[in-house]
Amino acid sequence: PAGIGPEVAVRAAWETRARVELIGDRTQLEKTAEALGLGPAPAHVSFRHVPLAAAPVPGVLDRRNAPAVLEMLTLAHEGAASGRYRAIVTGPVQKSVLCGPGSHFSGHTEFFQQKAGVKRVVMMLVSTPRQDALKVALATTHLPVSQIAPAITPERLDDILDILLTALRREYGFAHPRLAVAGLNPHAGESGELGMEEIEVITPAILRARAKHPECSIEGPFPADTLFIPGREASYDAVLAMYHDQGLPVLKHVGFVEGVNVTLGLPYVRTSVDHGTALDIAGRGVADHRSMTAALELAQTLSKNREARMA
């Protein structure tokens, strides 16, 4: 509530044509809309009021509001799980405030995974909400570099490839998804000279995925330094990178403004903005809401596709 979340949420909600229910402190949201000159909420926007414990001050974090934020996220999960909501779209969150004593919050993605009771989810970032956008999924997310190689296990890759390929068919509507898999080491291991992960872990996982998903094209492991050269991305519907800073710098270079974070593997659609709380500009009315608009648009598309294929 102290960041740019309320600003980008109301701007995007007021502009979209989809029905939107904003979960948050209604007073703050309406005051934010008024300050931005947006006027009263349009007919397609409703509110689910969760009062904040303390009046928010733009740019100033307040742990007293952490329980309310967690309640907002819980209501979003419960609504999506029950069918009240077709999808969840989340704004930025300040993890440092929610990770206080007694809290096990480590991020939106992990929160919804735990609430939904699923074994594993996949974080995928897309450059725009369009079908032909660059899509980069991650085999590992927020890990120190020293922990990446041990985390890339056969079981993890099997799960991630299964979730990713299923989502490309079900949510994205690709009849025959084309996936490129990056290697872990420089030059994809150089035939074992620079590491054995490609030979011992990644390639066998690709072969198992091909057998399980014969309708899909799964290629790799490719050297990451040439995987994203201009024009090559058109050959694939998505890329699986092995770690955060292998795939995301390229994606953010291509689509920082409209980038969207998608959580795959949940029993519902969840998208999010691809930026932080930007406390330094909160309350000034200058926050760019295009990532939130893109997240809303993509959530609509993915939920419609999912419903059509699960009917």
Protein backbone atom coordinates (compact mmCIF):
# COMPACT_ATOMS: atom_id res chain seq x y z
CA PRO A 1 0.00 0.00 0.00
CA ALA A 2 2.95 2.39 0.45
CA GLY A 3 4.33 1.76 -3.03
CA ILE A 4 3.02 2.34 -6.53
CA GLY A 5 0.69 -0.67 -6.38
CA PRO A 6 -2.51 1.31 -5.73
CA GLU A 7 -1.67 3.77 -8.53
CA VAL A 8 -1.02 1.18 -11.22
CA ALA A 9 -3.96 -0.95 -10.06
CA VAL A 10 -6.59 1.76 -10.32
CA ARG A 11 -5.23 3.13 -13.60
CA ALA A 12 -5.29 -0.31 -15.21
CA ALA A 13 -8.65 -1.27 -13.69
CA TRP A 14 -10.31 1.95 -14.84
CA GLU A 15 -9.01 1.43 -18.40
CA THR A 16 -9.74 -2.26 -18.95
CA ARG A 17 -13.05 -3.52 -20.29
CA ALA A 18 -12.95 -6.65 -18.15
CA ARG A 19 -14.79 -6.98 -14.87
CA VAL A 20 -12.32 -6.33 -12.07
CA GLU A 21 -12.66 -6.69 -8.31
CA LEU A 22 -9.97 -4.76 -6.46
CA ILE A 23 -9.03 -6.38 -3.16
CA GLY A 24 -7.64 -3.79 -0.80
CA ASP A 25 -8.44 -0.81 1.35
CA ARG A 26 -11.29 0.79 -0.59
CA THR A 27 -10.74 4.19 0.95
CA GLN A 28 -7.12 4.26 -0.18
CA LEU A 29 -7.97 3.02 -3.66
CA GLU A 30 -10.72 5.58 -4.18
CA LYS A 31 -8.53 8.39 -2.86
CA THR A 32 -5.77 7.27 -5.19
CA ALA A 33 -8.13 7.34 -8.17
CA GLU A 34 -9.31 10.80 -7.18
CA ALA A 35 -5.74 12.08 -6.84
CA LEU A 36 -4.98 10.74 -10.32
CA GLY A 37 -8.01 12.53 -11.74
CA LEU A 38 -9.77 9.32 -12.71
CA GLY A 39 -13.14 10.02 -11.14
CA PRO A 40 -15.50 7.45 -9.58
CA ALA A 41 -15.02 3.76 -10.29
CA PRO A 42 -16.59 2.67 -13.58
CA ALA A 43 -19.36 0.07 -13.55
CA HIS A 44 -17.02 -2.84 -14.34
CA VAL A 45 -14.89 -2.20 -11.22
CA SER A 46 -15.95 -3.41 -7.77
CA PHE A 47 -14.15 -3.54 -4.43
CA ARG A 48 -13.50 -6.12 -1.75
CA HIS A 49 -12.61 -4.02 1.23
CA VAL A 50 -9.74 -5.05 3.48
CA PRO A 51 -9.02 -2.20 5.90
CA LEU A 52 -5.43 -1.28 6.63
CA ALA A 53 -4.34 -1.03 10.25
CA ALA A 54 -2.49 2.24 9.67
CA ALA A 55 -3.05 5.00 7.15
CA PRO A 56 -0.50 4.44 4.36
CA VAL A 57 2.12 7.09 3.69
CA PRO A 58 3.53 6.92 0.15
CA GLY A 59 7.09 5.68 0.20
CA VAL A 60 7.07 4.80 3.91
CA LEU A 61 6.85 1.12 4.85
CA ASP A 62 4.69 0.14 7.82
CA ARG A 63 4.73 -3.40 9.21
CA ARG A 64 1.37 -2.79 10.87
CA ASN A 65 -0.25 -3.23 7.46
CA ALA A 66 1.41 -6.58 6.73
CA PRO A 67 -1.49 -8.70 8.10
CA ALA A 68 -3.95 -6.84 5.87
CA VAL A 69 -1.79 -7.44 2.79
CA LEU A 70 -1.59 -11.15 3.58
CA GLU A 71 -5.37 -11.22 4.01
CA MET A 72 -5.77 -9.62 0.58
CA LEU A 73 -3.65 -12.33 -0.98
CA THR A 74 -5.52 -15.05 0.91
CA LEU A 75 -8.87 -13.72 -0.30
CA ALA A 76 -7.54 -13.66 -3.85
CA HIS A 77 -6.48 -17.30 -3.60
CA GLU A 78 -9.76 -18.39 -2.03
CA GLY A 79 -11.75 -16.52 -4.65
CA ALA A 80 -9.83 -18.05 -7.54
CA ALA A 81 -9.91 -21.54 -6.03
CA SER A 82 -13.69 -21.35 -5.53
CA GLY A 83 -14.44 -19.98 -8.99
CA ARG A 84 -15.41 -16.51 -7.83
CA TYR A 85 -12.49 -15.11 -9.83
CA ARG A 86 -11.36 -16.30 -13.24
CA ALA A 87 -7.80 -15.18 -12.53
CA ILE A 88 -5.59 -13.36 -10.03
CA VAL A 89 -3.54 -10.32 -11.02
CA THR A 90 -1.15 -9.08 -8.35
CA GLY A 91 0.65 -5.80 -7.93
CA PRO A 92 4.15 -5.37 -6.51
CA VAL A 93 4.83 -6.40 -2.93
CA GLN A 94 7.54 -5.37 -0.48
CA LYS A 95 8.86 -8.72 0.77
CA SER A 96 10.92 -7.14 3.54
CA VAL A 97 7.75 -5.97 5.29
CA LEU A 98 5.90 -9.26 4.96
CA CYS A 99 8.87 -11.42 6.02
CA GLY A 100 8.72 -10.35 9.64
CA PRO A 101 8.76 -12.50 12.79
CA GLY A 102 6.33 -15.40 12.57
CA SER A 103 5.80 -14.98 8.83
CA HIS A 104 6.91 -17.53 6.26
CA PHE A 105 6.21 -15.25 3.30
CA SER A 106 8.95 -15.42 0.69
CA GLY A 107 7.08 -14.04 -2.30
CA HIS A 108 3.81 -14.08 -4.22
CA THR A 109 4.71 -17.19 -6.18
CA GLU A 110 5.58 -19.28 -3.15
CA PHE A 111 2.56 -17.93 -1.26
CA PHE A 112 0.07 -19.11 -3.88
CA GLN A 113 1.92 -22.40 -4.31
CA GLN A 114 1.59 -23.11 -0.59
CA LYS A 115 -2.05 -22.04 -0.46
CA ALA A 116 -2.93 -24.16 -3.48
CA GLY A 117 -1.06 -27.16 -2.09
CA VAL A 118 0.84 -27.93 -5.29
CA LYS A 119 4.26 -29.57 -5.35
CA ARG A 120 5.90 -27.18 -7.78
CA VAL A 121 5.15 -24.10 -9.83
CA VAL A 122 7.06 -22.45 -12.66
CA MET A 123 7.88 -18.77 -12.96
CA MET A 124 7.63 -17.52 -16.52
CA LEU A 125 8.20 -13.95 -17.67
CA VAL A 126 6.77 -12.65 -20.93
CA SER A 127 7.76 -9.50 -22.79
CA THR A 128 4.19 -8.51 -23.76
CA PRO A 129 0.71 -10.05 -23.44
CA ARG A 130 0.72 -10.98 -27.14
CA GLN A 131 0.78 -14.60 -28.28
CA ASP A 132 4.10 -14.11 -30.08
CA ALA A 133 5.85 -12.49 -27.10
CA LEU A 134 9.21 -13.70 -25.86
CA LYS A 135 8.48 -16.14 -23.02
CA VAL A 136 11.21 -17.20 -20.63
CA ALA A 137 10.55 -19.79 -17.93
CA LEU A 138 13.03 -20.48 -15.14
CA ALA A 139 14.31 -23.81 -13.87
CA THR A 140 15.49 -22.06 -10.69
CA THR A 141 14.41 -18.67 -9.40
CA HIS A 142 15.91 -16.69 -6.55
CA LEU A 143 18.96 -18.75 -5.63
CA PRO A 144 22.55 -17.71 -5.01
CA VAL A 145 24.77 -18.72 -7.94
CA SER A 146 26.56 -21.26 -5.74
CA GLN A 147 23.30 -23.15 -5.21
CA ILE A 148 22.07 -23.27 -8.82
CA ALA A 149 23.85 -26.37 -10.15
CA PRO A 150 22.90 -28.63 -7.20
CA ALA A 151 19.27 -27.48 -7.53
CA ILE A 152 18.98 -28.57 -11.16
CA THR A 153 17.98 -32.17 -10.51
CA PRO A 154 16.28 -34.70 -12.80
CA GLU A 155 13.11 -34.51 -10.70
CA ARG A 156 13.01 -30.71 -10.85
CA LEU A 157 13.51 -30.59 -14.60
CA ASP A 158 10.91 -33.32 -15.20
CA ASP A 159 8.34 -31.38 -13.17
CA ILE A 160 9.15 -28.03 -14.75
CA LEU A 161 9.11 -29.32 -18.32
CA ASP A 162 5.78 -31.05 -17.70
CA ILE A 163 4.19 -27.93 -16.18
CA LEU A 164 5.59 -25.64 -18.87
CA LEU A 165 4.58 -27.77 -21.85
CA THR A 166 1.11 -28.35 -20.41
CA ALA A 167 0.64 -24.60 -19.92
CA LEU A 168 1.82 -23.78 -23.44
CA ARG A 169 -0.90 -26.06 -24.78
CA ARG A 170 -3.69 -25.31 -22.32
CA GLU A 171 -3.29 -21.65 -21.38
CA TYR A 172 -1.52 -20.41 -24.50
CA GLY A 173 -3.32 -22.59 -27.01
CA PHE A 174 -0.31 -23.92 -28.90
CA ALA A 175 -1.28 -27.25 -30.47
CA HIS A 176 2.38 -28.19 -30.96
CA PRO A 177 4.51 -26.07 -28.60
CA ARG A 178 8.12 -25.40 -29.57
CA LEU A 179 10.45 -25.14 -26.58
CA ALA A 180 14.14 -24.26 -26.49
CA VAL A 181 16.11 -25.35 -23.41
CA ALA A 182 19.24 -23.48 -22.38
CA GLY A 183 22.30 -25.20 -21.02
CA LEU A 184 23.70 -24.38 -17.61
CA ASN A 185 27.39 -23.95 -18.40
CA PRO A 186 29.17 -21.72 -20.94
CA HIS A 187 28.83 -23.17 -24.45
CA ALA A 188 26.32 -25.66 -22.98
CA GLY A 189 29.20 -27.51 -21.34
CA GLU A 190 31.39 -27.86 -24.46
CA SER A 191 30.80 -31.64 -24.65
CA GLY A 192 31.63 -32.02 -20.97
CA GLU A 193 34.78 -29.90 -20.94
CA LEU A 194 33.04 -27.07 -19.06
CA GLY A 195 30.62 -29.10 -16.96
CA MET A 196 28.63 -32.32 -17.08
CA GLU A 197 25.14 -31.04 -16.22
CA GLU A 198 24.09 -30.86 -19.87
CA ILE A 199 25.09 -34.48 -20.48
CA GLU A 200 24.03 -36.01 -17.18
CA VAL A 201 20.90 -34.03 -16.26
CA ILE A 202 19.51 -31.65 -18.89
CA THR A 203 19.66 -33.80 -22.05
CA PRO A 204 18.12 -36.87 -20.34
CA ALA A 205 15.30 -34.64 -19.04
CA ILE A 206 14.66 -33.36 -22.57
CA LEU A 207 14.49 -36.93 -23.87
CA ARG A 208 11.99 -37.91 -21.16
CA ALA A 209 9.87 -34.84 -21.93
CA ARG A 210 9.83 -35.70 -25.63
CA ALA A 211 8.57 -39.18 -24.81
CA LYS A 212 5.85 -37.82 -22.50
CA HIS A 213 4.83 -34.95 -24.79
CA PRO A 214 5.23 -36.27 -28.36
CA GLU A 215 3.12 -33.41 -29.70
CA CYS A 216 5.76 -30.91 -28.57
CA SER A 217 9.10 -29.92 -30.09
CA ILE A 218 11.75 -29.70 -27.36
CA GLU A 219 15.26 -28.76 -28.43
CA GLY A 220 18.51 -28.15 -26.60
CA PRO A 221 20.42 -27.74 -24.46
CA PHE A 222 21.64 -24.64 -26.29
CA PRO A 223 24.41 -22.23 -25.30
CA ALA A 224 22.59 -19.32 -23.71
CA ASP A 225 24.80 -16.69 -25.31
CA THR A 226 23.45 -17.47 -28.78
CA LEU A 227 19.97 -18.62 -27.84
CA PHE A 228 18.57 -15.10 -27.80
CA ILE A 229 20.18 -13.62 -30.91
CA PRO A 230 17.75 -11.47 -32.94
CA GLY A 231 15.38 -13.53 -35.03
CA ARG A 232 16.09 -16.86 -33.37
CA GLU A 233 13.36 -16.40 -30.76
CA ALA A 234 10.77 -16.65 -33.54
CA SER A 235 11.71 -20.33 -33.93
CA TYR A 236 10.35 -21.16 -30.46
CA ASP A 237 7.22 -20.47 -28.46
CA ALA A 238 9.13 -20.35 -25.17
CA VAL A 239 12.59 -20.73 -23.67
CA LEU A 240 13.52 -22.57 -20.47
CA ALA A 241 16.49 -20.86 -18.82
CA MET A 242 18.38 -22.58 -16.04
CA TYR A 243 18.60 -19.59 -13.71
CA HIS A 244 17.31 -16.08 -13.10
CA ASP A 245 20.09 -13.96 -14.55
CA GLN A 246 20.55 -16.21 -17.57
CA GLY A 247 17.16 -15.49 -19.10
CA LEU A 248 15.64 -12.41 -17.53
CA PRO A 249 18.14 -9.73 -18.57
CA VAL A 250 17.33 -10.49 -22.20
CA LEU A 251 13.60 -10.47 -21.58
CA LYS A 252 13.68 -7.20 -19.68
CA HIS A 253 15.79 -5.62 -22.39
CA VAL A 254 13.14 -6.59 -24.93
CA GLY A 255 10.00 -5.90 -22.92
CA PHE A 256 10.64 -4.06 -19.68
CA VAL A 257 7.62 -1.76 -19.97
CA GLU A 258 4.96 -4.40 -20.68
CA GLY A 259 6.64 -7.37 -19.02
CA VAL A 260 4.39 -9.78 -17.13
CA ASN A 261 5.20 -12.47 -14.56
CA VAL A 262 3.10 -15.64 -14.94
CA THR A 263 2.89 -18.46 -12.40
CA LEU A 264 2.37 -21.83 -14.11
CA GLY A 265 1.21 -24.96 -12.30
CA LEU A 266 -1.48 -23.43 -10.09
CA PRO A 267 -5.12 -24.58 -10.33
CA TYR A 268 -5.97 -21.09 -11.60
CA VAL A 269 -4.38 -18.33 -13.67
CA ARG A 270 -2.13 -15.88 -11.88
CA THR A 271 -0.25 -13.01 -13.50
CA SER A 272 1.63 -10.10 -11.99
CA VAL A 273 3.48 -6.94 -12.84
CA ASP A 274 7.15 -7.36 -13.59
CA HIS A 275 8.39 -4.53 -11.39
CA GLY A 276 8.74 -3.61 -7.75
CA THR A 277 7.03 -1.19 -5.39
CA ALA A 278 9.12 1.83 -6.50
CA LEU A 279 8.84 3.53 -3.13
CA ASP A 280 10.87 6.48 -4.39
CA ILE A 281 8.10 7.63 -6.75
CA ALA A 282 5.05 6.40 -4.82
CA GLY A 283 2.26 8.94 -4.47
CA ARG A 284 3.61 11.26 -7.16
CA GLY A 285 1.24 10.07 -9.88
CA VAL A 286 4.02 9.26 -12.34
CA ALA A 287 4.11 5.45 -12.10
CA ASP A 288 3.88 3.63 -15.44
CA HIS A 289 0.92 1.26 -15.32
CA ARG A 290 1.50 -0.54 -18.61
CA SER A 291 2.86 -3.70 -16.95
CA MET A 292 -0.31 -3.92 -14.86
CA THR A 293 -2.46 -3.36 -17.94
CA ALA A 294 -0.53 -6.10 -19.73
CA ALA A 295 -0.95 -8.44 -16.73
CA LEU A 296 -4.72 -7.86 -16.79
CA GLU A 297 -4.90 -8.46 -20.53
CA LEU A 298 -2.84 -11.63 -20.34
CA ALA A 299 -4.88 -12.96 -17.41
CA GLN A 300 -8.05 -12.60 -19.48
CA THR A 301 -6.53 -14.43 -22.43
CA LEU A 302 -5.04 -17.27 -20.41
CA SER A 303 -8.18 -17.83 -18.33
CA LYS A 304 -10.36 -17.97 -21.46
CA ASN A 305 -8.02 -20.46 -23.10
CA ARG A 306 -7.83 -22.56 -19.95
CA GLU A 307 -11.60 -22.68 -19.55
CA ALA A 308 -12.13 -23.60 -23.21
CA ARG A 309 -9.69 -26.50 -23.03
CA MET A 310 -10.93 -27.80 -19.69
CA ALA A 311 -14.64 -27.61 -20.58
